Amino acid sequence: MSALRRGGLGLMAWLTGIVFFLPVAWMALTSFHSEADAAANPPSFAASLTLDGYREFFGSGGGARPWPALINSLVASAASTLLVLLLALPAAYALSIRPVRKWTDVLFFFLSTKMLPAVAGLLPIYLFAKNAGMLDNIWLLVVLYTSMNLPIAVWMMQSFLAEVPVAVIEAARVDGARLPVILARVVAPIALPGIAATALICFIFSWNELLFARVLTGVVAETAPVFLTGFITSQGLFLAKVCAASLVISLPVLAAGFAAQDKLVQGLSLGAVK
């Protein structure tokens, strides 16, 4: 590849990154403005900075505090992600390492469940939750998020586990290791980058989910995205406070992605280069 072409590709990569980063940077800057400066048109880049938006978000003005909603989102996302990994790992092992007839049909069936519009299943799930007395229950969201993320987790981990050498598994089986031991001590360490990438994606999907959380929760099990929608009132949209809330609610996902970025890159590129 010529130096000119490499330079052009590098420039395109930088421009693409800047285009995706600019809205986030603008949101962060707006969160430090007063409501009057945030609503100014055209916007003022030299407006004075303030922490009023963050103070109001954390309830210093007498409003609702975000901690219960943040804790609910953390519990629902972390618990559902853990359950997804516990269920997806054996399923992916069966589809990738153990011989299964028509395994491509099984994978397509898993993926086809994601093609159903979420709103189509909203009413039956609501009626079930109402009759079971599970409305406004955080564990209902854990079960829902697990079922929603399990198909994509199995699909991803199947491709990751297909790269695990069969000879290593056969050697462990000859030494007398049973299936749980093989999964925990042989397969999981080798496929750790892929498992980390799957876990991060499932965590992000669960953390950002709004539709079911909005309909099935109230006060006790309210999640962070539902709490965020409460800033849109009949009095108008408080832009600075919304930007501050959006930035704070995005921090756990950004922190998780930053902490697992090396595993994420390895996992998403696993098997791309032979």
C-alpha atoms as a PDB file:
ATOM      1  CA  MET A   1       0.000   0.000   0.000  1.00  0.00           C
ATOM      2  CA  SER A   2       1.411   3.362  -1.034  1.00  0.00           C
ATOM      3  CA  ALA A   3       2.153   6.093   1.482  1.00  0.00           C
ATOM      4  CA  LEU A   4      -0.429   8.366  -0.169  1.00  0.00           C
ATOM      5  CA  ARG A   5      -3.155   5.774   0.193  1.00  0.00           C
ATOM      6  CA  ARG A   6      -2.227   5.093   3.821  1.00  0.00           C
ATOM      7  CA  GLY A   7      -2.324   8.817   4.509  1.00  0.00           C
ATOM      8  CA  GLY A   8      -5.736   9.130   2.866  1.00  0.00           C
ATOM      9  CA  LEU A   9      -7.153   6.238   4.884  1.00  0.00           C
ATOM     10  CA  GLY A  10      -5.713   7.698   8.070  1.00  0.00           C
ATOM     11  CA  LEU A  11      -7.263  11.077   7.300  1.00  0.00           C
ATOM     12  CA  MET A  12     -10.657   9.470   6.638  1.00  0.00           C
ATOM     13  CA  ALA A  13     -10.412   7.583   9.947  1.00  0.00           C
ATOM     14  CA  TRP A  14      -9.664  10.810  11.829  1.00  0.00           C
ATOM     15  CA  LEU A  15     -12.499  12.674  10.126  1.00  0.00           C
ATOM     16  CA  THR A  16     -14.943   9.854  10.891  1.00  0.00           C
ATOM     17  CA  GLY A  17     -13.866   9.825  14.523  1.00  0.00           C
ATOM     18  CA  ILE A  18     -14.282  13.595  14.803  1.00  0.00           C
ATOM     19  CA  VAL A  19     -17.762  13.446  13.253  1.00  0.00           C
ATOM     20  CA  PHE A  20     -18.858  10.859  15.835  1.00  0.00           C
ATOM     21  CA  PHE A  21     -17.146  12.699  18.698  1.00  0.00           C
ATOM     22  CA  LEU A  22     -18.494  16.200  18.015  1.00  0.00           C
ATOM     23  CA  PRO A  23     -22.085  15.569  19.263  1.00  0.00           C
ATOM     24  CA  VAL A  24     -20.731  14.089  22.502  1.00  0.00           C
ATOM     25  CA  ALA A  25     -18.354  17.018  22.957  1.00  0.00           C
ATOM     26  CA  TRP A  26     -21.181  19.484  22.293  1.00  0.00           C
ATOM     27  CA  MET A  27     -23.399  17.703  24.826  1.00  0.00           C
ATOM     28  CA  ALA A  28     -20.623  17.843  27.426  1.00  0.00           C
ATOM     29  CA  LEU A  29     -20.053  21.568  26.791  1.00  0.00           C
ATOM     30  CA  THR A  30     -23.775  22.345  26.946  1.00  0.00           C
ATOM     31  CA  SER A  31     -24.061  20.548  30.275  1.00  0.00           C
ATOM     32  CA  PHE A  32     -21.796  23.219  31.829  1.00  0.00           C
ATOM     33  CA  HIS A  33     -23.925  26.136  30.563  1.00  0.00           C
ATOM     34  CA  SER A  34     -26.852  27.832  32.206  1.00  0.00           C
ATOM     35  CA  GLU A  35     -30.306  27.099  30.805  1.00  0.00           C
ATOM     36  CA  ALA A  36     -30.450  30.521  29.141  1.00  0.00           C
ATOM     37  CA  ASP A  37     -27.090  30.035  27.411  1.00  0.00           C
ATOM     38  CA  ALA A  38     -27.914  26.430  26.462  1.00  0.00           C
ATOM     39  CA  ALA A  39     -31.140  27.546  24.749  1.00  0.00           C
ATOM     40  CA  ALA A  40     -29.517  30.484  22.931  1.00  0.00           C
ATOM     41  CA  ASN A  41     -29.789  30.452  19.142  1.00  0.00           C
ATOM     42  CA  PRO A  42     -27.209  30.698  17.665  1.00  0.00           C
ATOM     43  CA  PRO A  43     -25.271  28.977  20.459  1.00  0.00           C
ATOM     44  CA  SER A  44     -22.565  30.906  22.267  1.00  0.00           C
ATOM     45  CA  PHE A  45     -19.193  29.201  22.537  1.00  0.00           C
ATOM     46  CA  ALA A  46     -17.915  31.832  24.991  1.00  0.00           C
ATOM     47  CA  ALA A  47     -20.790  31.458  27.477  1.00  0.00           C
ATOM     48  CA  SER A  48     -19.846  31.227  31.135  1.00  0.00           C
ATOM     49  CA  LEU A  49     -19.557  27.752  32.634  1.00  0.00           C
ATOM     50  CA  THR A  50     -21.541  26.554  35.623  1.00  0.00           C
ATOM     51  CA  LEU A  51     -22.349  23.335  37.481  1.00  0.00           C
ATOM     52  CA  ASP A  52     -26.018  24.195  37.962  1.00  0.00           C
ATOM     53  CA  GLY A  53     -27.148  21.444  35.586  1.00  0.00           C
ATOM     54  CA  TYR A  54     -25.298  18.788  37.580  1.00  0.00           C
ATOM     55  CA  ARG A  55     -26.519  20.192  40.903  1.00  0.00           C
ATOM     56  CA  GLU A  56     -30.124  20.004  39.716  1.00  0.00           C
ATOM     57  CA  PHE A  57     -29.611  16.521  38.326  1.00  0.00           C
ATOM     58  CA  PHE A  58     -28.348  15.251  41.668  1.00  0.00           C
ATOM     59  CA  GLY A  59     -31.329  16.793  43.439  1.00  0.00           C
ATOM     60  CA  SER A  60     -29.764  19.820  45.136  1.00  0.00           C
ATOM     61  CA  GLY A  61     -32.777  21.916  44.105  1.00  0.00           C
ATOM     62  CA  GLY A  62     -35.224  19.629  45.873  1.00  0.00           C
ATOM     63  CA  GLY A  63     -35.968  17.376  42.909  1.00  0.00           C
ATOM     64  CA  ALA A  64     -35.808  13.602  42.695  1.00  0.00           C
ATOM     65  CA  ARG A  65     -32.387  12.062  43.228  1.00  0.00           C
ATOM     66  CA  PRO A  66     -30.982   9.800  40.490  1.00  0.00           C
ATOM     67  CA  TRP A  67     -29.288   7.233  42.742  1.00  0.00           C
ATOM     68  CA  PRO A  68     -32.172   4.708  42.938  1.00  0.00           C
ATOM     69  CA  ALA A  69     -32.586   4.764  39.144  1.00  0.00           C
ATOM     70  CA  LEU A  70     -28.828   4.378  38.582  1.00  0.00           C
ATOM     71  CA  ILE A  71     -28.654   1.479  41.041  1.00  0.00           C
ATOM     72  CA  ASN A  72     -31.635  -0.203  39.362  1.00  0.00           C
ATOM     73  CA  SER A  73     -29.972   0.104  35.948  1.00  0.00           C
ATOM     74  CA  LEU A  74     -26.732  -1.283  37.332  1.00  0.00           C
ATOM     75  CA  VAL A  75     -28.467  -4.250  38.976  1.00  0.00           C
ATOM     76  CA  ALA A  76     -30.593  -5.056  35.916  1.00  0.00           C
ATOM     77  CA  SER A  77     -27.697  -4.706  33.459  1.00  0.00           C
ATOM     78  CA  ALA A  78     -25.075  -6.558  35.507  1.00  0.00           C
ATOM     79  CA  ALA A  79     -27.382  -9.394  36.613  1.00  0.00           C
ATOM     80  CA  SER A  80     -28.820  -9.956  33.137  1.00  0.00           C
ATOM     81  CA  THR A  81     -25.347  -9.887  31.566  1.00  0.00           C
ATOM     82  CA  LEU A  82     -24.101 -12.485  34.058  1.00  0.00           C
ATOM     83  CA  LEU A  83     -27.094 -14.729  33.342  1.00  0.00           C
ATOM     84  CA  VAL A  84     -26.592 -14.311  29.591  1.00  0.00           C
ATOM     85  CA  LEU A  85     -22.968 -15.421  29.852  1.00  0.00           C
ATOM     86  CA  LEU A  86     -23.859 -18.429  32.028  1.00  0.00           C
ATOM     87  CA  LEU A  87     -26.481 -19.563  29.503  1.00  0.00           C
ATOM     88  CA  ALA A  88     -24.738 -18.557  26.266  1.00  0.00           C
ATOM     89  CA  LEU A  89     -21.412 -20.238  26.985  1.00  0.00           C
ATOM     90  CA  PRO A  90     -22.762 -23.841  27.086  1.00  0.00           C
ATOM     91  CA  ALA A  91     -25.065 -23.150  24.127  1.00  0.00           C
ATOM     92  CA  ALA A  92     -22.225 -21.712  22.051  1.00  0.00           C
ATOM     93  CA  TYR A  93     -20.022 -24.641  23.074  1.00  0.00           C
ATOM     94  CA  ALA A  94     -22.647 -27.086  21.822  1.00  0.00           C
ATOM     95  CA  LEU A  95     -22.998 -25.241  18.518  1.00  0.00           C
ATOM     96  CA  SER A  96     -19.306 -24.674  17.827  1.00  0.00           C
ATOM     97  CA  ILE A  97     -17.298 -27.524  19.362  1.00  0.00           C
ATOM     98  CA  ARG A  98     -19.734 -30.357  19.900  1.00  0.00           C
ATOM     99  CA  PRO A  99     -21.272 -31.771  16.693  1.00  0.00           C
ATOM    100  CA  VAL A 100     -24.862 -30.534  16.287  1.00  0.00           C
ATOM    101  CA  ARG A 101     -26.902 -31.289  13.186  1.00  0.00           C
ATOM    102  CA  LYS A 102     -28.032 -28.232  11.212  1.00  0.00           C
ATOM    103  CA  TRP A 103     -26.319 -25.848  13.619  1.00  0.00           C
ATOM    104  CA  THR A 104     -26.684 -23.007  11.110  1.00  0.00           C
ATOM    105  CA  ASP A 105     -30.471 -23.400  11.289  1.00  0.00           C
ATOM    106  CA  VAL A 106     -30.283 -23.185  15.073  1.00  0.00           C
ATOM    107  CA  LEU A 107     -28.240 -19.985  14.883  1.00  0.00           C
ATOM    108  CA  PHE A 108     -30.664 -18.477  12.398  1.00  0.00           C
ATOM    109  CA  PHE A 109     -33.556 -19.311  14.719  1.00  0.00           C
ATOM    110  CA  PHE A 110     -31.760 -17.554  17.585  1.00  0.00           C
ATOM    111  CA  LEU A 111     -31.133 -14.482  15.446  1.00  0.00           C
ATOM    112  CA  SER A 112     -34.672 -14.463  14.014  1.00  0.00           C
ATOM    113  CA  THR A 113     -36.040 -13.771  17.505  1.00  0.00           C
ATOM    114  CA  LYS A 114     -34.342 -10.360  17.333  1.00  0.00           C
ATOM    115  CA  MET A 115     -36.329  -9.502  14.188  1.00  0.00           C
ATOM    116  CA  LEU A 116     -39.611  -9.250  16.106  1.00  0.00           C
ATOM    117  CA  PRO A 117     -40.404  -5.601  16.898  1.00  0.00           C
ATOM    118  CA  ALA A 118     -40.174  -5.091  20.638  1.00  0.00           C
ATOM    119  CA  VAL A 119     -43.484  -3.227  20.710  1.00  0.00           C
ATOM    120  CA  ALA A 120     -45.239  -6.334  19.320  1.00  0.00           C
ATOM    121  CA  GLY A 121     -44.472  -8.258  22.491  1.00  0.00           C
ATOM    122  CA  LEU A 122     -45.083  -5.371  24.859  1.00  0.00           C
ATOM    123  CA  LEU A 123     -48.786  -5.993  25.543  1.00  0.00           C
ATOM    124  CA  PRO A 124     -48.510  -9.756  26.255  1.00  0.00           C
ATOM    125  CA  ILE A 125     -45.541  -9.169  28.556  1.00  0.00           C
ATOM    126  CA  TYR A 126     -47.391  -6.367  30.337  1.00  0.00           C
ATOM    127  CA  LEU A 127     -50.464  -8.550  30.889  1.00  0.00           C
ATOM    128  CA  PHE A 128     -48.302 -11.416  32.142  1.00  0.00           C
ATOM    129  CA  ALA A 129     -46.436  -9.120  34.526  1.00  0.00           C
ATOM    130  CA  LYS A 130     -49.694  -7.603  35.780  1.00  0.00           C
ATOM    131  CA  ASN A 131     -51.335 -10.967  36.440  1.00  0.00           C
ATOM    132  CA  ALA A 132     -48.161 -12.285  38.098  1.00  0.00           C
ATOM    133  CA  GLY A 133     -47.858  -9.205  40.308  1.00  0.00           C
ATOM    134  CA  MET A 134     -44.418  -8.355  38.920  1.00  0.00           C
ATOM    135  CA  LEU A 135     -45.026  -4.831  37.667  1.00  0.00           C
ATOM    136  CA  ASP A 136     -42.459  -2.339  38.962  1.00  0.00           C
ATOM    137  CA  ASN A 137     -40.117  -5.209  39.820  1.00  0.00           C
ATOM    138  CA  ILE A 138     -36.436  -5.007  38.913  1.00  0.00           C
ATOM    139  CA  TRP A 139     -36.142  -8.800  38.574  1.00  0.00           C
ATOM    140  CA  LEU A 140     -38.722  -8.761  35.801  1.00  0.00           C
ATOM    141  CA  LEU A 141     -36.349  -6.515  33.847  1.00  0.00           C
ATOM    142  CA  VAL A 142     -33.477  -8.893  34.600  1.00  0.00           C
ATOM    143  CA  VAL A 143     -35.422 -11.790  33.052  1.00  0.00           C
ATOM    144  CA  LEU A 144     -36.492  -9.687  30.063  1.00  0.00           C
ATOM    145  CA  TYR A 145     -33.019  -8.343  29.370  1.00  0.00           C
ATOM    146  CA  THR A 146     -31.586 -11.849  29.647  1.00  0.00           C
ATOM    147  CA  SER A 147     -34.052 -13.217  27.093  1.00  0.00           C
ATOM    148  CA  MET A 148     -33.519 -10.237  24.792  1.00  0.00           C
ATOM    149  CA  ASN A 149     -29.705 -10.443  24.784  1.00  0.00           C
ATOM    150  CA  LEU A 150     -29.295 -14.222  24.864  1.00  0.00           C
ATOM    151  CA  PRO A 151     -29.763 -14.801  21.080  1.00  0.00           C
ATOM    152  CA  ILE A 152     -27.147 -12.256  20.036  1.00  0.00           C
ATOM    153  CA  ALA A 153     -24.793 -13.522  22.764  1.00  0.00           C
ATOM    154  CA  VAL A 154     -25.050 -17.112  21.519  1.00  0.00           C
ATOM    155  CA  TRP A 155     -24.488 -15.935  17.949  1.00  0.00           C
ATOM    156  CA  MET A 156     -21.364 -13.961  18.894  1.00  0.00           C
ATOM    157  CA  MET A 157     -19.854 -16.521  21.236  1.00  0.00           C
ATOM    158  CA  GLN A 158     -20.366 -19.345  18.753  1.00  0.00           C
ATOM    159  CA  SER A 159     -17.930 -17.649  16.382  1.00  0.00           C
ATOM    160  CA  PHE A 160     -15.483 -17.000  19.226  1.00  0.00           C
ATOM    161  CA  LEU A 161     -15.574 -20.549  20.572  1.00  0.00           C
ATOM    162  CA  ALA A 162     -15.113 -21.957  17.078  1.00  0.00           C
ATOM    163  CA  GLU A 163     -11.510 -20.690  17.310  1.00  0.00           C
ATOM    164  CA  VAL A 164     -10.764 -22.760  20.432  1.00  0.00           C
ATOM    165  CA  PRO A 165      -8.447 -25.680  19.521  1.00  0.00           C
ATOM    166  CA  VAL A 166     -10.331 -28.953  19.801  1.00  0.00           C
ATOM    167  CA  ALA A 167      -7.110 -30.736  20.767  1.00  0.00           C
ATOM    168  CA  VAL A 168      -6.929 -28.771  24.024  1.00  0.00           C
ATOM    169  CA  ILE A 169     -10.456 -29.798  24.931  1.00  0.00           C
ATOM    170  CA  GLU A 170      -9.769 -33.428  24.057  1.00  0.00           C
ATOM    171  CA  ALA A 171      -6.654 -33.376  26.250  1.00  0.00           C
ATOM    172  CA  ALA A 172      -8.673 -32.030  29.174  1.00  0.00           C
ATOM    173  CA  ARG A 173     -11.317 -34.704  28.597  1.00  0.00           C
ATOM    174  CA  VAL A 174      -8.654 -37.424  28.559  1.00  0.00           C
ATOM    175  CA  ASP A 175      -7.363 -36.104  31.911  1.00  0.00           C
ATOM    176  CA  GLY A 176     -10.830 -36.682  33.348  1.00  0.00           C
ATOM    177  CA  ALA A 177     -12.210 -33.147  33.319  1.00  0.00           C
ATOM    178  CA  ARG A 178     -15.982 -32.931  33.120  1.00  0.00           C
ATOM    179  CA  LEU A 179     -17.911 -30.403  31.029  1.00  0.00           C
ATOM    180  CA  PRO A 180     -18.287 -27.657  33.717  1.00  0.00           C
ATOM    181  CA  VAL A 181     -14.546 -27.821  34.408  1.00  0.00           C
ATOM    182  CA  ILE A 182     -13.732 -27.720  30.695  1.00  0.00           C
ATOM    183  CA  LEU A 183     -15.942 -24.676  30.185  1.00  0.00           C
ATOM    184  CA  ALA A 184     -14.599 -22.815  33.225  1.00  0.00           C
ATOM    185  CA  ARG A 185     -10.883 -23.681  33.068  1.00  0.00           C
ATOM    186  CA  VAL A 186     -10.192 -24.449  29.404  1.00  0.00           C
ATOM    187  CA  VAL A 187     -12.692 -22.792  27.081  1.00  0.00           C
ATOM    188  CA  ALA A 188     -13.376 -19.584  29.030  1.00  0.00           C
ATOM    189  CA  PRO A 189      -9.712 -18.476  29.443  1.00  0.00           C
ATOM    190  CA  ILE A 190      -8.977 -19.058  25.753  1.00  0.00           C
ATOM    191  CA  ALA A 191     -12.121 -17.257  24.584  1.00  0.00           C
ATOM    192  CA  LEU A 192     -11.880 -14.507  27.230  1.00  0.00           C
ATOM    193  CA  PRO A 193     -11.603 -11.620  24.704  1.00  0.00           C
ATOM    194  CA  GLY A 194     -14.745 -12.804  22.918  1.00  0.00           C
ATOM    195  CA  ILE A 195     -16.586 -13.298  26.200  1.00  0.00           C
ATOM    196  CA  ALA A 196     -15.596  -9.791  27.318  1.00  0.00           C
ATOM    197  CA  ALA A 197     -16.811  -8.295  24.036  1.00  0.00           C
ATOM    198  CA  THR A 198     -20.117 -10.158  24.331  1.00  0.00           C
ATOM    199  CA  ALA A 199     -20.557  -9.100  27.955  1.00  0.00           C
ATOM    200  CA  LEU A 200     -19.898  -5.441  27.156  1.00  0.00           C
ATOM    201  CA  ILE A 201     -22.376  -5.386  24.281  1.00  0.00           C
ATOM    202  CA  CYS A 202     -25.071  -7.087  26.382  1.00  0.00           C
ATOM    203  CA  PHE A 203     -24.412  -4.645  29.225  1.00  0.00           C
ATOM    204  CA  ILE A 204     -24.776  -1.666  26.883  1.00  0.00           C
ATOM    205  CA  PHE A 205     -28.010  -3.026  25.381  1.00  0.00           C
ATOM    206  CA  SER A 206     -29.473  -3.570  28.853  1.00  0.00           C
ATOM    207  CA  TRP A 207     -28.324  -0.212  30.193  1.00  0.00           C
ATOM    208  CA  ASN A 208     -29.823   1.698  27.248  1.00  0.00           C
ATOM    209  CA  GLU A 209     -33.149  -0.171  27.055  1.00  0.00           C
ATOM    210  CA  LEU A 210     -36.100   2.211  27.504  1.00  0.00           C
ATOM    211  CA  LEU A 211     -39.347   0.791  26.071  1.00  0.00           C
ATOM    212  CA  PHE A 212     -39.961  -2.096  28.483  1.00  0.00           C
ATOM    213  CA  ALA A 213     -38.529  -0.209  31.440  1.00  0.00           C
ATOM    214  CA  ARG A 214     -40.833   2.729  30.725  1.00  0.00           C
ATOM    215  CA  VAL A 215     -43.988   0.588  30.556  1.00  0.00           C
ATOM    216  CA  LEU A 216     -43.249  -2.090  33.170  1.00  0.00           C
ATOM    217  CA  THR A 217     -41.714   0.019  35.935  1.00  0.00           C
ATOM    218  CA  GLY A 218     -42.949   2.865  38.076  1.00  0.00           C
ATOM    219  CA  VAL A 219     -41.143   4.243  41.100  1.00  0.00           C
ATOM    220  CA  VAL A 220     -39.439   1.264  42.756  1.00  0.00           C
ATOM    221  CA  ALA A 221     -37.771  -0.264  39.666  1.00  0.00           C
ATOM    222  CA  GLU A 222     -37.302   2.916  37.621  1.00  0.00           C
ATOM    223  CA  THR A 223     -34.111   2.762  35.541  1.00  0.00           C
ATOM    224  CA  ALA A 224     -31.758   5.541  34.481  1.00  0.00           C
ATOM    225  CA  PRO A 225     -33.177   6.007  30.926  1.00  0.00           C
ATOM    226  CA  VAL A 226     -36.692   6.262  32.376  1.00  0.00           C
ATOM    227  CA  PHE A 227     -35.458   8.766  34.948  1.00  0.00           C
ATOM    228  CA  LEU A 228     -33.921  10.783  32.122  1.00  0.00           C
ATOM    229  CA  THR A 229     -37.247  11.081  30.293  1.00  0.00           C
ATOM    230  CA  GLY A 230     -38.645  12.816  33.365  1.00  0.00           C
ATOM    231  CA  PHE A 231     -36.723  15.955  32.448  1.00  0.00           C
ATOM    232  CA  ILE A 232     -39.031  16.477  29.451  1.00  0.00           C
ATOM    233  CA  THR A 233     -41.993  18.214  31.080  1.00  0.00           C
ATOM    234  CA  SER A 234     -44.955  20.341  30.037  1.00  0.00           C
ATOM    235  CA  GLN A 235     -42.913  23.375  31.061  1.00  0.00           C
ATOM    236  CA  GLY A 236     -40.397  22.684  28.331  1.00  0.00           C
ATOM    237  CA  LEU A 237     -37.068  20.960  27.788  1.00  0.00           C
ATOM    238  CA  PHE A 238     -34.321  21.959  30.214  1.00  0.00           C
ATOM    239  CA  LEU A 239     -31.437  21.447  27.829  1.00  0.00           C
ATOM    240  CA  ALA A 240     -28.485  21.989  30.174  1.00  0.00           C
ATOM    241  CA  LYS A 241     -29.889  19.638  32.815  1.00  0.00           C
ATOM    242  CA  VAL A 242     -30.740  17.007  30.195  1.00  0.00           C
ATOM    243  CA  CYS A 243     -27.183  17.163  28.808  1.00  0.00           C
ATOM    244  CA  ALA A 244     -25.743  16.864  32.317  1.00  0.00           C
ATOM    245  CA  ALA A 245     -28.003  13.896  33.080  1.00  0.00           C
ATOM    246  CA  SER A 246     -27.176  12.222  29.753  1.00  0.00           C
ATOM    247  CA  LEU A 247     -23.456  12.598  30.373  1.00  0.00           C
ATOM    248  CA  VAL A 248     -23.658  11.165  33.898  1.00  0.00           C
ATOM    249  CA  ILE A 249     -25.847   8.245  32.794  1.00  0.00           C
ATOM    250  CA  SER A 250     -23.434   7.498  29.927  1.00  0.00           C
ATOM    251  CA  LEU A 251     -20.378   7.380  32.213  1.00  0.00           C
ATOM    252  CA  PRO A 252     -20.802   3.749  33.443  1.00  0.00           C
ATOM    253  CA  VAL A 253     -20.969   2.441  29.886  1.00  0.00           C
ATOM    254  CA  LEU A 254     -18.020   4.608  28.813  1.00  0.00           C
ATOM    255  CA  ALA A 255     -16.015   3.456  31.829  1.00  0.00           C
ATOM    256  CA  ALA A 256     -16.793  -0.205  31.123  1.00  0.00           C
ATOM    257  CA  GLY A 257     -15.840   0.219  27.473  1.00  0.00           C
ATOM    258  CA  PHE A 258     -12.585   1.978  28.378  1.00  0.00           C
ATOM    259  CA  ALA A 259     -11.667  -0.663  30.944  1.00  0.00           C
ATOM    260  CA  ALA A 260     -12.325  -3.526  28.520  1.00  0.00           C
ATOM    261  CA  GLN A 261     -11.178  -1.848  25.317  1.00  0.00           C
ATOM    262  CA  ASP A 262      -8.254  -4.232  24.747  1.00  0.00           C
ATOM    263  CA  LYS A 263     -10.478  -7.290  25.259  1.00  0.00           C
ATOM    264  CA  LEU A 264     -13.191  -5.706  23.112  1.00  0.00           C
ATOM    265  CA  VAL A 265     -10.841  -5.153  20.169  1.00  0.00           C
ATOM    266  CA  GLN A 266      -9.421  -8.659  20.486  1.00  0.00           C
ATOM    267  CA  GLY A 267     -12.867 -10.189  20.757  1.00  0.00           C
ATOM    268  CA  LEU A 268     -14.406  -8.361  17.818  1.00  0.00           C
ATOM    269  CA  SER A 269     -11.389  -9.178  15.628  1.00  0.00           C
ATOM    270  CA  LEU A 270     -11.085 -12.800  16.802  1.00  0.00           C
ATOM    271  CA  GLY A 271     -10.917 -15.078  13.813  1.00  0.00           C
ATOM    272  CA  ALA A 272     -10.606 -12.209  11.321  1.00  0.00           C
ATOM    273  CA  VAL A 273      -6.964 -13.040  10.570  1.00  0.00           C
ATOM    274  CA  LYS A 274      -5.924 -16.641  10.251  1.00  0.00           C
END
